[in-house]
């Protein structure tokens, strides 16, 4: 598809002028100077708090405001960096901001220590301080983290060592894989050197010969560097396990579960439901194999469409915005109105042009109470779905505007619910549109089933591997061959017979960047959680109609001030620790799955 060259009537360039006059302008430099000054002042003050409840309350309020300013600047620089990936000045300020954030982390540690040192009586008194109304959940979490800290000098040492230790392993992975190339012979017979960054796109191509060639040729660098990559993975996990032990954190899942504000019982209930109903997403893979004409899929087939994108004229930006607006307004008028305002206020960046970073995201400023959406428009149905997805994220932030910042910071587990909800409103509207061609409907069904088995099989497979790896890593380093064995076992467990006999990818542990992220561990199950929870929410919406929407908004508004279990129980009457809840969410995909199985 080609993008129309006629300038769109709907704005496709965002404006950031309400955040700062311009990058490098006087107000921008003044903001930076005040931020540095206040971080240093608060750092010194936080070490002298003792058990003065009033002083701690005042410092927490100031810390909340400081966090708003840090996030405002970070979001602004992130927008500029994505908008012009080659801007060296912006990159320089991003690097500078990372040093400010590192200093702020020491302030956070001091505040957490002060909270942990308070007596129960003192902490109860703090929680009822009027200045902290609505912040109770965040303050309790900070106290919990403070109780898990080592002595302040050891935490400072760990923070400094992590720069050249834990995070250095992550930088090594990024540097090494960023330079990887492989020689590949294309189906037409020509050979070229391909950057590893292109491999995934090639393995998502409709041409199976291209996917196969990219998979096999692209395995060589992973095999060549396997020892180095295994050392990195062992180093990251080993550092975490050592710190968990020093902080007296009993289990390696405790930290990612805490970060996700969810319980072990909810995680196990969700996984039990998936394994009990595993044949549902496996049916989607079998249907894809039938469409492909093979008895099962190979690993290189898993992200590829089995239904070609409709060979129609490219969608214009105006058409896409109008389609999303109609779908939102028909099903959820408040969301439709908000989407219209996003466009009118120029809060969406979608213009296709050189120099932009790939990908899409939603960000915002807690200072300005404004959201921004970033993407690049290429004229496809997939891009339109991306727009609806990111608009769902933005709506979540909009609903949280009345909340104080301490109550507006929701975990990764709850971050994908609103985005998926927005996506499903659009897809539901499209599938019921009598003017939509059968070819486009088939394509959308295929795309939805690609997402379903990714969330319900591939990502749980990553969890099973990582859990097995961390279990063995506690006893010592895990070899390359053993890592491959653990990966094969995880793929066997989740995929069953849906993969060809020679269709597994034992080196997936090396090629999946998520395993090497050093800022967060187990970057997998929160995505499954968010996907299934959004399925459950949308199923309730379809069953109850507009009367469900106030409860949905209550759910979004509560995501930053309680645990996942509390939010679901209080706003939806749902028990996340019950496998039955998750099973109902899983079974919501049955109509789409049945329609997909009828294709071809």
Protein backbone atom coordinates (compact mmCIF):
# COMPACT_ATOMS: atom_id res chain seq x y z
CA UNK A 1 0.00 0.00 0.00
CA UNK A 2 1.09 3.58 -0.64
CA UNK A 3 0.16 6.56 1.45
CA UNK A 4 -1.92 9.25 -0.18
CA UNK A 5 0.04 12.43 -0.92
CA UNK A 6 -2.88 14.85 -0.52
CA UNK A 7 -2.45 16.77 2.77
CA UNK A 8 -4.99 15.51 5.33
CA UNK A 9 -7.70 17.76 6.69
CA UNK A 10 -7.35 16.11 10.12
CA UNK A 11 -4.14 17.24 11.88
CA UNK A 12 -1.46 14.55 11.76
CA UNK A 13 1.31 16.56 13.49
CA UNK A 14 1.29 17.11 17.21
CA UNK A 15 2.03 20.28 19.08
CA UNK A 16 4.15 20.29 22.25
CA UNK A 17 4.19 24.06 22.71
CA UNK A 18 1.88 23.91 25.72
CA UNK A 19 4.61 21.94 27.51
CA UNK A 20 7.56 24.20 26.62
CA UNK A 21 7.87 27.13 24.23
CA UNK A 22 10.55 25.15 22.39
CA UNK A 23 13.43 22.81 23.10
CA UNK A 24 16.24 24.94 24.47
CA UNK A 25 13.98 27.95 25.09
CA UNK A 26 14.27 30.07 28.24
CA UNK A 27 11.37 28.34 30.03
CA UNK A 28 12.92 24.95 29.22
CA UNK A 29 16.32 25.84 30.73
CA UNK A 30 14.70 27.43 33.78
CA UNK A 31 12.67 24.25 34.35
CA UNK A 32 15.82 22.10 34.20
CA UNK A 33 17.72 24.32 36.63
CA UNK A 34 14.91 24.35 39.18
CA UNK A 35 14.57 20.57 38.89
CA UNK A 36 18.26 19.93 39.66
CA UNK A 37 18.19 22.39 42.56
CA UNK A 38 15.11 20.79 44.12
CA UNK A 39 16.39 17.23 43.76
CA UNK A 40 19.59 18.14 45.61
CA UNK A 41 17.72 20.07 48.30
CA UNK A 42 15.27 17.23 48.90
CA UNK A 43 18.02 14.60 48.94
CA UNK A 44 19.75 16.40 51.79
CA UNK A 45 16.50 16.99 53.65
CA UNK A 46 15.26 13.38 53.33
CA UNK A 47 18.20 12.01 55.32
CA UNK A 48 17.23 14.10 58.38
CA UNK A 49 13.55 13.16 58.69
CA UNK A 50 13.82 10.67 61.54
CA UNK A 51 10.35 9.79 62.84
CA UNK A 52 8.86 13.26 62.45
CA UNK A 53 5.48 12.34 60.94
CA UNK A 54 4.63 15.90 59.91
CA UNK A 55 8.00 16.38 58.20
CA UNK A 56 7.63 13.06 56.38
CA UNK A 57 4.14 14.03 55.15
CA UNK A 58 5.40 17.37 53.86
CA UNK A 59 8.36 15.72 52.16
CA UNK A 60 6.13 13.13 50.49
CA UNK A 61 3.93 15.87 49.04
CA UNK A 62 7.01 17.69 47.74
CA UNK A 63 8.36 14.40 46.36
CA UNK A 64 5.07 13.83 44.52
CA UNK A 65 5.38 17.26 42.89
CA UNK A 66 9.01 16.57 42.00
CA UNK A 67 7.94 13.32 40.33
CA UNK A 68 5.41 15.21 38.22
CA UNK A 69 8.15 17.52 36.98
CA UNK A 70 10.57 14.67 36.25
CA UNK A 71 7.91 12.82 34.28
CA UNK A 72 6.90 16.00 32.42
CA UNK A 73 10.45 16.55 31.23
CA UNK A 74 11.02 12.88 30.48
CA UNK A 75 7.83 12.68 28.41
CA UNK A 76 8.73 15.86 26.54
CA UNK A 77 12.20 14.59 25.65
CA UNK A 78 10.78 11.19 24.73
CA UNK A 79 8.38 12.84 22.31
CA UNK A 80 11.11 14.95 20.72
CA UNK A 81 13.46 11.96 20.45
CA UNK A 82 10.83 9.82 18.71
CA UNK A 83 9.82 12.69 16.45
CA UNK A 84 13.42 13.20 15.28
CA UNK A 85 15.60 10.20 16.10
CA UNK A 86 18.72 11.95 14.82
CA UNK A 87 18.53 14.96 17.12
CA UNK A 88 21.81 14.75 19.05
CA UNK A 89 20.96 17.64 21.36
CA UNK A 90 17.80 15.88 22.54
CA UNK A 91 19.75 12.65 23.05
CA UNK A 92 22.25 14.59 25.14
CA UNK A 93 19.52 15.96 27.38
CA UNK A 94 17.99 12.47 27.70
CA UNK A 95 21.37 11.20 28.93
CA UNK A 96 21.59 14.14 31.34
CA UNK A 97 18.09 13.43 32.66
CA UNK A 98 19.05 9.82 33.38
CA UNK A 99 21.68 11.10 35.82
CA UNK A 100 19.07 13.30 37.52
CA UNK A 101 16.74 10.31 37.78
CA UNK A 102 19.55 8.27 39.33
CA UNK A 103 19.98 10.94 42.00
CA UNK A 104 16.23 10.98 42.52
CA UNK A 105 16.33 7.21 43.11
CA UNK A 106 18.58 7.87 46.11
CA UNK A 107 15.99 10.33 47.40
CA UNK A 108 13.32 7.66 46.93
CA UNK A 109 15.43 5.19 48.90
CA UNK A 110 15.80 7.66 51.79
CA UNK A 111 12.04 8.28 51.88
CA UNK A 112 11.31 4.55 51.82
CA UNK A 113 13.74 4.02 54.69
CA UNK A 114 12.06 6.77 56.72
CA UNK A 115 8.65 5.18 56.15
CA UNK A 116 9.95 1.74 57.09
CA UNK A 117 11.43 3.09 60.33
CA UNK A 118 8.11 4.52 61.53
CA UNK A 119 6.30 2.66 64.29
CA UNK A 120 2.86 1.27 63.49
CA UNK A 121 1.34 4.09 65.50
CA UNK A 122 3.40 6.68 63.65
CA UNK A 123 2.56 5.20 60.26
CA UNK A 124 -1.17 5.10 61.05
CA UNK A 125 -0.94 8.77 62.03
CA UNK A 126 0.83 9.55 58.75
CA UNK A 127 -1.85 7.85 56.66
CA UNK A 128 -4.60 10.04 58.09
CA UNK A 129 -2.70 13.27 57.42
CA UNK A 130 -5.06 15.38 55.25
CA UNK A 131 -2.24 16.23 52.83
CA UNK A 132 -1.91 12.54 51.91
CA UNK A 133 -5.58 11.81 51.27
CA UNK A 134 -5.80 9.52 48.26
CA UNK A 135 -2.11 8.60 48.49
CA UNK A 136 -2.47 5.79 51.04
CA UNK A 137 -1.86 2.95 48.58
CA UNK A 138 1.31 4.53 47.19
CA UNK A 139 2.66 5.33 50.65
CA UNK A 140 2.02 1.78 51.87
CA UNK A 141 3.93 0.45 48.87
CA UNK A 142 6.85 2.75 49.62
CA UNK A 143 6.91 1.50 53.22
CA UNK A 144 6.93 -2.11 51.98
CA UNK A 145 9.85 -1.34 49.68
CA UNK A 146 11.67 0.38 52.52
CA UNK A 147 11.34 -2.71 54.68
CA UNK A 148 12.96 -4.75 51.92
CA UNK A 149 15.93 -2.43 51.54
CA UNK A 150 19.42 -3.08 52.75
CA UNK A 151 21.16 -0.47 54.86
CA UNK A 152 21.25 2.87 53.08
CA UNK A 153 24.98 2.67 52.32
CA UNK A 154 24.54 -0.80 50.81
CA UNK A 155 21.59 0.36 48.69
CA UNK A 156 23.69 3.27 47.44
CA UNK A 157 26.54 0.87 46.65
CA UNK A 158 24.14 -1.48 44.83
CA UNK A 159 22.76 1.44 42.78
CA UNK A 160 26.26 2.50 41.77
CA UNK A 161 27.42 -1.06 41.02
CA UNK A 162 24.32 -1.76 38.93
CA UNK A 163 25.36 0.95 36.49
CA UNK A 164 28.50 -1.02 35.63
CA UNK A 165 27.13 -4.46 36.50
CA UNK A 166 23.47 -5.37 36.04
CA UNK A 167 22.65 -2.61 33.56
CA UNK A 168 25.98 -3.08 31.78
CA UNK A 169 24.84 -6.58 30.78
CA UNK A 170 21.72 -5.06 29.26
CA UNK A 171 23.79 -2.45 27.39
CA UNK A 172 26.09 -5.19 26.14
CA UNK A 173 23.10 -7.08 24.75
CA UNK A 174 21.76 -3.96 23.04
CA UNK A 175 25.17 -3.09 21.57
CA UNK A 176 25.96 -6.62 20.42
CA UNK A 177 22.58 -7.33 18.87
CA UNK A 178 22.43 -3.84 17.34
CA UNK A 179 25.54 -4.68 15.31
CA UNK A 180 24.50 -8.21 14.31
CA UNK A 181 24.07 -9.02 10.65
CA UNK A 182 23.61 -12.25 8.73
CA UNK A 183 24.04 -13.30 5.12
CA UNK A 184 20.75 -14.39 3.64
CA UNK A 185 19.80 -15.84 0.28
CA UNK A 186 16.40 -14.50 -0.76
CA UNK A 187 13.81 -16.57 -2.65
CA UNK A 188 14.73 -14.82 -5.91
CA UNK A 189 18.32 -16.06 -5.51
CA UNK A 190 20.10 -12.86 -4.53
CA UNK A 191 22.16 -12.75 -1.35
CA UNK A 192 22.61 -9.79 0.95
CA UNK A 193 23.82 -8.93 4.42
CA UNK A 194 20.77 -8.32 6.59
CA UNK A 195 20.79 -6.42 9.93
CA UNK A 196 19.36 -8.49 12.76
CA UNK A 197 16.85 -5.71 13.45
CA UNK A 198 15.17 -6.63 10.17
CA UNK A 199 14.84 -10.34 10.90
CA UNK A 200 11.55 -10.16 12.78
CA UNK A 201 9.90 -8.19 9.97
CA UNK A 202 11.11 -10.79 7.47
CA UNK A 203 9.67 -13.56 9.66
CA UNK A 204 6.31 -11.76 9.60
CA UNK A 205 6.25 -11.62 5.81
CA UNK A 206 3.39 -13.40 3.98
CA UNK A 207 5.97 -15.25 1.83
CA UNK A 208 6.83 -18.44 3.74
CA UNK A 209 10.02 -18.97 1.74
CA UNK A 210 11.24 -15.59 2.94
CA UNK A 211 10.35 -16.41 6.57
CA UNK A 212 12.16 -19.72 6.43
CA UNK A 213 15.29 -18.22 4.91
CA UNK A 214 15.36 -15.41 7.50
CA UNK A 215 14.89 -17.83 10.38
CA UNK A 216 17.65 -20.26 9.44
CA UNK A 217 20.17 -17.67 8.26
CA UNK A 218 19.41 -15.49 11.26
CA UNK A 219 20.10 -18.31 13.74
CA UNK A 220 23.83 -18.24 12.99
CA UNK A 221 24.68 -15.02 14.90
CA UNK A 222 22.75 -16.23 17.93
CA UNK A 223 24.66 -19.51 17.87
CA UNK A 224 27.98 -17.74 17.28
CA UNK A 225 27.44 -15.46 20.30
CA UNK A 226 25.61 -17.98 22.48
CA UNK A 227 28.31 -18.12 25.18
CA UNK A 228 28.39 -14.33 25.51
CA UNK A 229 24.61 -14.07 25.60
CA UNK A 230 24.34 -16.86 28.16
CA UNK A 231 26.90 -15.05 30.33
CA UNK A 232 24.76 -11.92 30.10
CA UNK A 233 21.55 -13.72 31.01
CA UNK A 234 23.25 -15.48 33.92
CA UNK A 235 24.78 -12.20 35.05
CA UNK A 236 21.45 -10.38 35.07
CA UNK A 237 19.62 -13.15 36.91
CA UNK A 238 22.52 -13.80 39.28
CA UNK A 239 22.69 -10.14 40.31
CA UNK A 240 18.96 -10.04 40.96
CA UNK A 241 18.99 -13.24 42.98
CA UNK A 242 21.90 -11.98 45.09
CA UNK A 243 20.12 -8.70 45.81
CA UNK A 244 16.87 -10.53 46.61
CA UNK A 245 18.75 -12.59 49.16
CA UNK A 246 20.36 -9.53 50.75
CA UNK A 247 16.99 -7.78 50.88
CA UNK A 248 15.37 -10.89 52.36
CA UNK A 249 12.92 -11.20 49.48
CA UNK A 250 11.90 -14.88 49.67
CA UNK A 251 11.17 -15.67 46.01
CA UNK A 252 12.23 -14.28 42.64
CA UNK A 253 8.57 -13.80 41.64
CA UNK A 254 7.85 -11.57 44.63
CA UNK A 255 9.40 -8.48 43.06
CA UNK A 256 7.69 -8.68 39.63
CA UNK A 257 4.40 -9.47 41.36
CA UNK A 258 4.84 -6.46 43.64
CA UNK A 259 5.67 -4.30 40.62
CA UNK A 260 2.46 -5.55 38.98
CA UNK A 261 0.42 -4.94 42.18
CA UNK A 262 -0.96 -8.47 41.96
CA UNK A 263 -0.82 -11.58 44.12
CA UNK A 264 0.72 -14.98 43.50
CA UNK A 265 -2.78 -16.45 43.83
CA UNK A 266 -4.04 -14.36 40.88
CA UNK A 267 -1.06 -15.31 38.74
CA UNK A 268 -1.53 -19.00 39.46
CA UNK A 269 -5.28 -18.78 38.84
CA UNK A 270 -4.69 -17.10 35.48
CA UNK A 271 -2.10 -19.68 34.42
CA UNK A 272 -4.29 -22.56 35.58
CA UNK A 273 -7.13 -21.26 33.41
CA UNK A 274 -4.80 -20.96 30.41
CA UNK A 275 -3.40 -24.47 30.79
CA UNK A 276 -6.87 -25.94 31.40
CA UNK A 277 -8.22 -24.26 28.26
CA UNK A 278 -5.04 -24.42 26.20
CA UNK A 279 -6.82 -26.12 23.32
CA UNK A 280 -8.66 -22.89 22.50
CA UNK A 281 -5.60 -20.89 21.40
CA UNK A 282 -4.10 -24.08 19.95
CA UNK A 283 -7.17 -24.31 17.71
CA UNK A 284 -6.23 -20.91 16.30
CA UNK A 285 -2.76 -22.19 15.42
CA UNK A 286 -4.19 -25.33 13.82
CA UNK A 287 -6.57 -23.20 11.76
CA UNK A 288 -3.63 -21.06 10.66
CA UNK A 289 -1.74 -24.20 9.63
CA UNK A 290 -4.72 -25.36 7.55
CA UNK A 291 -4.82 -21.98 5.81
CA UNK A 292 -1.11 -22.30 5.16
CA UNK A 293 -1.48 -25.86 3.89
CA UNK A 294 0.90 -27.48 6.40
CA UNK A 295 0.17 -30.06 9.12
CA UNK A 296 1.40 -27.64 11.79
CA UNK A 297 3.35 -24.36 12.03
CA UNK A 298 7.05 -23.74 12.33
CA UNK A 299 8.27 -21.14 14.82
CA UNK A 300 8.95 -18.80 11.91
CA UNK A 301 5.26 -18.96 10.96
CA UNK A 302 3.89 -17.75 14.29
CA UNK A 303 3.87 -14.00 13.58
CA UNK A 304 2.98 -14.23 9.91
CA UNK A 305 -0.47 -13.50 8.48
CA UNK A 306 -2.24 -16.44 6.91
CA UNK A 307 -4.80 -14.13 5.30
CA UNK A 308 -3.33 -11.49 3.02
CA UNK A 309 -4.05 -7.85 3.68
CA UNK A 310 -6.89 -6.72 1.39
CA UNK A 311 -5.63 -5.45 -1.93
CA UNK A 312 -7.52 -2.20 -1.74
CA UNK A 313 -6.60 1.44 -2.02
CA UNK A 314 -4.63 2.83 0.86
CA UNK A 315 -6.64 4.29 3.71
CA UNK A 316 -6.15 8.00 4.15
CA UNK A 317 -5.48 9.51 7.56
CA UNK A 318 -8.80 11.36 7.37
CA UNK A 319 -10.67 8.11 6.61
CA UNK A 320 -9.01 6.28 9.47
CA UNK A 321 -9.72 9.03 12.00
CA UNK A 322 -13.34 9.21 10.83
CA UNK A 323 -13.73 5.42 11.11
CA UNK A 324 -12.28 5.28 14.63
CA UNK A 325 -14.39 8.26 15.70
CA UNK A 326 -17.60 6.64 14.40
CA UNK A 327 -16.84 3.32 16.10
CA UNK A 328 -16.02 5.01 19.41
CA UNK A 329 -18.99 7.38 19.31
CA UNK A 330 -21.49 4.63 18.47
CA UNK A 331 -20.38 2.33 21.29
CA UNK A 332 -18.96 4.76 23.86
CA UNK A 333 -19.89 8.42 23.20
CA UNK A 334 -17.59 9.88 25.88
CA UNK A 335 -14.63 8.09 24.31
CA UNK A 336 -15.71 9.36 20.88
CA UNK A 337 -15.85 12.95 22.16
CA UNK A 338 -12.44 12.58 23.77
CA UNK A 339 -10.94 11.15 20.56
CA UNK A 340 -12.31 14.12 18.61
CA UNK A 341 -10.68 16.48 21.09
CA UNK A 342 -7.33 14.66 20.79
CA UNK A 343 -7.30 15.36 17.07
CA UNK A 344 -8.54 18.95 17.29
CA UNK A 345 -5.99 19.88 19.95
CA UNK A 346 -3.18 18.33 17.88
CA UNK A 347 -2.23 15.75 20.49
CA UNK A 348 -1.57 13.03 17.89
CA UNK A 349 1.63 12.62 15.86
CA UNK A 350 1.15 10.38 12.84
CA UNK A 351 2.77 12.10 9.87
CA UNK A 352 4.92 9.71 7.76
CA UNK A 353 8.32 11.28 7.15
CA UNK A 354 12.01 10.38 7.36
CA UNK A 355 13.80 10.54 10.68
CA UNK A 356 10.99 9.33 12.89
CA UNK A 357 11.58 6.43 15.27
CA UNK A 358 9.50 3.31 14.51
CA UNK A 359 6.76 2.14 16.86
CA UNK A 360 3.85 3.71 18.68
CA UNK A 361 3.20 4.90 22.22
CA UNK A 362 1.02 7.07 24.41
CA UNK A 363 2.50 9.44 26.96
CA UNK A 364 1.41 12.52 28.83
CA UNK A 365 2.13 15.24 31.35
CA UNK A 366 0.76 15.14 34.88
CA UNK A 367 1.67 18.82 35.16
CA UNK A 368 -0.39 19.87 32.16
CA UNK A 369 -3.01 17.11 32.34
CA UNK A 370 -2.53 16.44 28.65
CA UNK A 371 -1.92 13.27 26.67
CA UNK A 372 0.03 12.67 23.47
CA UNK A 373 -0.11 9.78 20.96
CA UNK A 374 2.84 8.90 18.73
CA UNK A 375 2.71 6.65 15.64
CA UNK A 376 3.45 6.77 11.94
CA UNK A 377 0.63 6.47 9.42
CA UNK A 378 1.25 4.09 6.49
CA UNK A 379 -2.32 3.77 5.25
CA UNK A 380 -3.08 0.27 6.57
CA UNK A 381 -5.89 -1.26 8.62
CA UNK A 382 -3.21 -2.28 11.14
CA UNK A 383 -2.26 1.39 11.59
CA UNK A 384 -5.90 2.27 12.23
CA UNK A 385 -6.08 -0.41 14.94
CA UNK A 386 -2.89 1.02 16.45
CA UNK A 387 -4.55 4.45 16.58
CA UNK A 388 -7.52 3.00 18.49
CA UNK A 389 -5.16 1.12 20.82
CA UNK A 390 -3.17 4.22 21.75
CA UNK A 391 -6.36 6.28 22.09
CA UNK A 392 -7.52 3.75 24.68
CA UNK A 393 -4.32 4.40 26.66
CA UNK A 394 -4.90 8.16 26.40
CA UNK A 395 -8.48 7.80 27.62
CA UNK A 396 -7.22 5.89 30.67
CA UNK A 397 -4.98 8.85 31.53
CA UNK A 398 -7.84 11.27 30.93
CA UNK A 399 -10.10 9.39 33.36
CA UNK A 400 -7.32 9.58 35.96
CA UNK A 401 -6.83 13.35 35.64
CA UNK A 402 -8.85 14.19 38.79
CA UNK A 403 -6.65 11.86 40.87
CA UNK A 404 -3.51 13.09 42.58
CA UNK A 405 -0.29 11.82 41.05
CA UNK A 406 0.32 9.26 43.80
CA UNK A 407 -3.03 7.71 42.81
CA UNK A 408 -2.54 7.97 39.05
CA UNK A 409 0.48 5.70 38.68
CA UNK A 410 -0.96 2.34 37.65
CA UNK A 411 1.03 -0.90 37.20
CA UNK A 412 1.93 -2.63 33.95
CA UNK A 413 -0.70 -5.33 34.64
CA UNK A 414 -3.47 -2.74 34.37
CA UNK A 415 -1.86 -0.61 31.68
CA UNK A 416 -3.07 -2.63 28.68
CA UNK A 417 -6.73 -2.97 29.63
CA UNK A 418 -7.94 0.38 28.31
CA UNK A 419 -5.84 0.15 25.14
CA UNK A 420 -7.15 -3.30 24.29
CA UNK A 421 -10.67 -2.13 25.14
CA UNK A 422 -10.37 0.71 22.64
CA UNK A 423 -8.98 -1.67 20.05
CA UNK A 424 -11.87 -4.10 20.55
CA UNK A 425 -14.48 -1.34 20.19
CA UNK A 426 -13.01 -0.48 16.78
CA UNK A 427 -12.72 -4.11 15.66
CA UNK A 428 -16.26 -4.91 16.81
CA UNK A 429 -17.52 -1.91 14.87
CA UNK A 430 -15.60 -2.91 11.77
CA UNK A 431 -16.77 -6.53 11.88
CA UNK A 432 -20.41 -5.42 12.06
CA UNK A 433 -20.04 -2.89 9.25
CA UNK A 434 -22.07 -4.15 6.25
CA UNK A 435 -19.84 -2.18 3.88
CA UNK A 436 -16.67 -3.99 4.98
CA UNK A 437 -15.51 -6.46 2.34
CA UNK A 438 -15.26 -10.18 3.16
CA UNK A 439 -11.53 -9.98 2.41
CA UNK A 440 -11.00 -7.28 5.03
CA UNK A 441 -13.10 -9.17 7.61
CA UNK A 442 -11.03 -12.32 7.00
CA UNK A 443 -7.85 -10.30 7.41
CA UNK A 444 -9.09 -8.82 10.71
CA UNK A 445 -10.04 -12.28 11.99
CA UNK A 446 -6.55 -13.53 11.19
CA UNK A 447 -4.93 -10.56 12.93
CA UNK A 448 -7.07 -11.11 16.03
CA UNK A 449 -6.12 -14.78 16.21
CA UNK A 450 -2.46 -13.88 15.80
CA UNK A 451 -2.82 -11.72 18.91
CA UNK A 452 -4.74 -14.40 20.77
CA UNK A 453 -2.18 -17.16 20.44
CA UNK A 454 0.66 -14.71 21.06
CA UNK A 455 -0.87 -13.67 24.38
CA UNK A 456 -2.17 -17.10 25.41
CA UNK A 457 0.63 -19.39 24.21
CA UNK A 458 3.80 -17.52 23.28
CA UNK A 459 3.96 -15.15 26.23
CA UNK A 460 3.03 -17.84 28.80
CA UNK A 461 5.78 -19.94 27.17
CA UNK A 462 8.27 -17.15 27.90
CA UNK A 463 7.09 -17.11 31.51
CA UNK A 464 7.55 -20.88 31.86
CA UNK A 465 11.08 -20.63 30.47
CA UNK A 466 12.06 -17.71 32.69
CA UNK A 467 10.62 -19.35 35.80
CA UNK A 468 12.54 -22.57 35.10
CA UNK A 469 15.72 -20.60 34.37
CA UNK A 470 15.57 -18.57 37.59
CA UNK A 471 14.89 -21.74 39.57
CA UNK A 472 18.04 -23.38 38.21
CA UNK A 473 20.11 -20.18 38.29
CA UNK A 474 19.73 -20.08 42.08
CA UNK A 475 22.03 -23.13 42.23
CA UNK A 476 24.63 -21.80 39.78
CA UNK A 477 25.18 -20.68 36.21
CA UNK A 478 23.07 -22.30 33.51
CA UNK A 479 24.89 -23.47 30.37
CA UNK A 480 23.97 -22.71 26.77
CA UNK A 481 22.85 -26.26 26.15
CA UNK A 482 20.68 -26.24 29.27
CA UNK A 483 19.12 -22.90 28.29
CA UNK A 484 18.16 -24.45 24.96
CA UNK A 485 16.71 -27.49 26.73
CA UNK A 486 14.62 -25.27 29.01
CA UNK A 487 13.37 -23.30 26.00
CA UNK A 488 12.44 -26.46 24.11
CA UNK A 489 10.59 -27.79 27.17
CA UNK A 490 8.62 -24.56 27.54
CA UNK A 491 7.65 -24.62 23.87
CA UNK A 492 6.59 -28.26 24.09
CA UNK A 493 4.46 -27.51 27.15
CA UNK A 494 2.54 -24.60 25.62
CA UNK A 495 2.46 -25.39 21.91
CA UNK A 496 1.96 -29.15 22.11
CA UNK A 497 1.48 -30.64 18.64
CA UNK A 498 0.76 -27.29 16.95
CA UNK A 499 4.43 -26.93 16.00
CA UNK A 500 6.10 -29.13 13.42
CA UNK A 501 8.49 -31.79 14.72
CA UNK A 502 11.45 -29.63 13.71
CA UNK A 503 9.56 -26.40 14.26
CA UNK A 504 10.82 -25.21 17.66
CA UNK A 505 13.30 -22.38 18.26
CA UNK A 506 15.73 -23.43 21.03
CA UNK A 507 17.65 -20.13 20.71
CA UNK A 508 14.62 -17.95 21.40
CA UNK A 509 16.08 -17.21 24.86
CA UNK A 510 18.91 -15.36 23.11
CA UNK A 511 16.92 -13.56 20.42
CA UNK A 512 14.12 -12.24 22.67
CA UNK A 513 15.25 -8.91 24.04
CA UNK A 514 12.68 -9.03 26.87
CA UNK A 515 14.78 -11.56 28.79
CA UNK A 516 17.66 -9.05 28.88
CA UNK A 517 15.72 -6.03 30.16
CA UNK A 518 17.45 -4.99 33.38
CA UNK A 519 14.91 -2.48 34.68
CA UNK A 520 12.20 -5.09 35.23
CA UNK A 521 12.13 -8.89 35.45
CA UNK A 522 9.50 -11.27 34.06
CA UNK A 523 8.47 -8.91 31.28
CA UNK A 524 5.78 -11.34 30.20
CA UNK A 525 2.89 -12.33 32.46
CA UNK A 526 1.63 -8.72 32.95
CA UNK A 527 0.82 -8.65 29.23
CA UNK A 528 -1.23 -11.84 29.49
CA UNK A 529 -2.98 -10.40 32.53
CA UNK A 530 -3.87 -7.19 30.70
CA UNK A 531 -5.05 -9.02 27.59
CA UNK A 532 -7.35 -11.40 29.44
CA UNK A 533 -8.68 -8.73 31.77
CA UNK A 534 -9.57 -6.55 28.78
CA UNK A 535 -11.33 -9.54 27.19
CA UNK A 536 -13.38 -9.97 30.37
CA UNK A 537 -14.22 -6.26 30.50
CA UNK A 538 -15.30 -6.18 26.87
CA UNK A 539 -17.41 -9.31 27.29
CA UNK A 540 -19.23 -7.61 30.17
CA UNK A 541 -19.68 -4.50 28.05
CA UNK A 542 -21.22 -6.51 25.22
CA UNK A 543 -23.55 -8.30 27.65
CA UNK A 544 -24.66 -5.22 29.61
CA UNK A 545 -24.38 -2.44 27.04
CA UNK A 546 -23.93 1.24 27.98
CA UNK A 547 -24.92 0.61 31.61
CA UNK A 548 -21.50 -1.06 32.06
CA UNK A 549 -19.50 2.04 31.11
CA UNK A 550 -19.72 3.89 34.46
CA UNK A 551 -18.30 0.78 36.15
CA UNK A 552 -15.58 0.61 33.51
CA UNK A 553 -14.63 4.21 34.22
CA UNK A 554 -14.66 3.49 37.96
CA UNK A 555 -12.28 0.62 37.24
CA UNK A 556 -9.91 2.89 35.29
CA UNK A 557 -10.05 5.56 37.96
CA UNK A 558 -9.10 3.05 40.66
CA UNK A 559 -6.10 1.51 38.89
CA UNK A 560 -3.55 3.71 40.65
CA UNK A 561 -4.86 3.50 44.20
CA UNK A 562 -5.26 -0.20 44.94
CA UNK A 563 -3.99 -3.67 44.06
CA UNK A 564 -5.31 -5.44 40.97
CA UNK A 565 -7.43 -7.70 43.16
CA UNK A 566 -8.92 -4.77 45.08
CA UNK A 567 -9.68 -2.79 41.94
CA UNK A 568 -11.41 -5.74 40.27
CA UNK A 569 -13.38 -6.67 43.38
CA UNK A 570 -14.49 -3.13 44.25
CA UNK A 571 -15.46 -1.96 40.75
CA UNK A 572 -16.37 -5.15 38.89
CA UNK A 573 -17.24 -7.61 41.65
CA UNK A 574 -14.63 -9.96 40.17
CA UNK A 575 -12.35 -12.39 41.98
CA UNK A 576 -8.99 -12.51 40.20
CA UNK A 577 -7.81 -15.37 42.39
CA UNK A 578 -10.46 -17.65 40.87
CA UNK A 579 -9.51 -19.66 37.77
CA UNK A 580 -13.19 -19.42 36.76
CA UNK A 581 -12.87 -15.66 36.20
CA UNK A 582 -9.97 -16.14 33.81
CA UNK A 583 -11.65 -19.10 32.10
CA UNK A 584 -14.67 -16.92 31.27
CA UNK A 585 -12.30 -14.32 29.81
CA UNK A 586 -10.60 -16.99 27.72
CA UNK A 587 -13.86 -18.37 26.42
CA UNK A 588 -14.91 -14.91 25.25
CA UNK A 589 -12.73 -15.55 22.19
CA UNK A 590 -14.89 -18.53 21.09
CA UNK A 591 -17.08 -16.67 18.52
CA UNK A 592 -14.05 -15.09 16.83
CA UNK A 593 -12.19 -18.40 16.90
CA UNK A 594 -15.14 -20.27 15.36
CA UNK A 595 -15.41 -17.68 12.58
CA UNK A 596 -11.68 -17.98 11.94
CA UNK A 597 -11.87 -21.77 11.70
CA UNK A 598 -14.44 -21.40 8.92
CA UNK A 599 -12.05 -19.47 6.69
CA UNK A 600 -10.55 -21.25 3.72
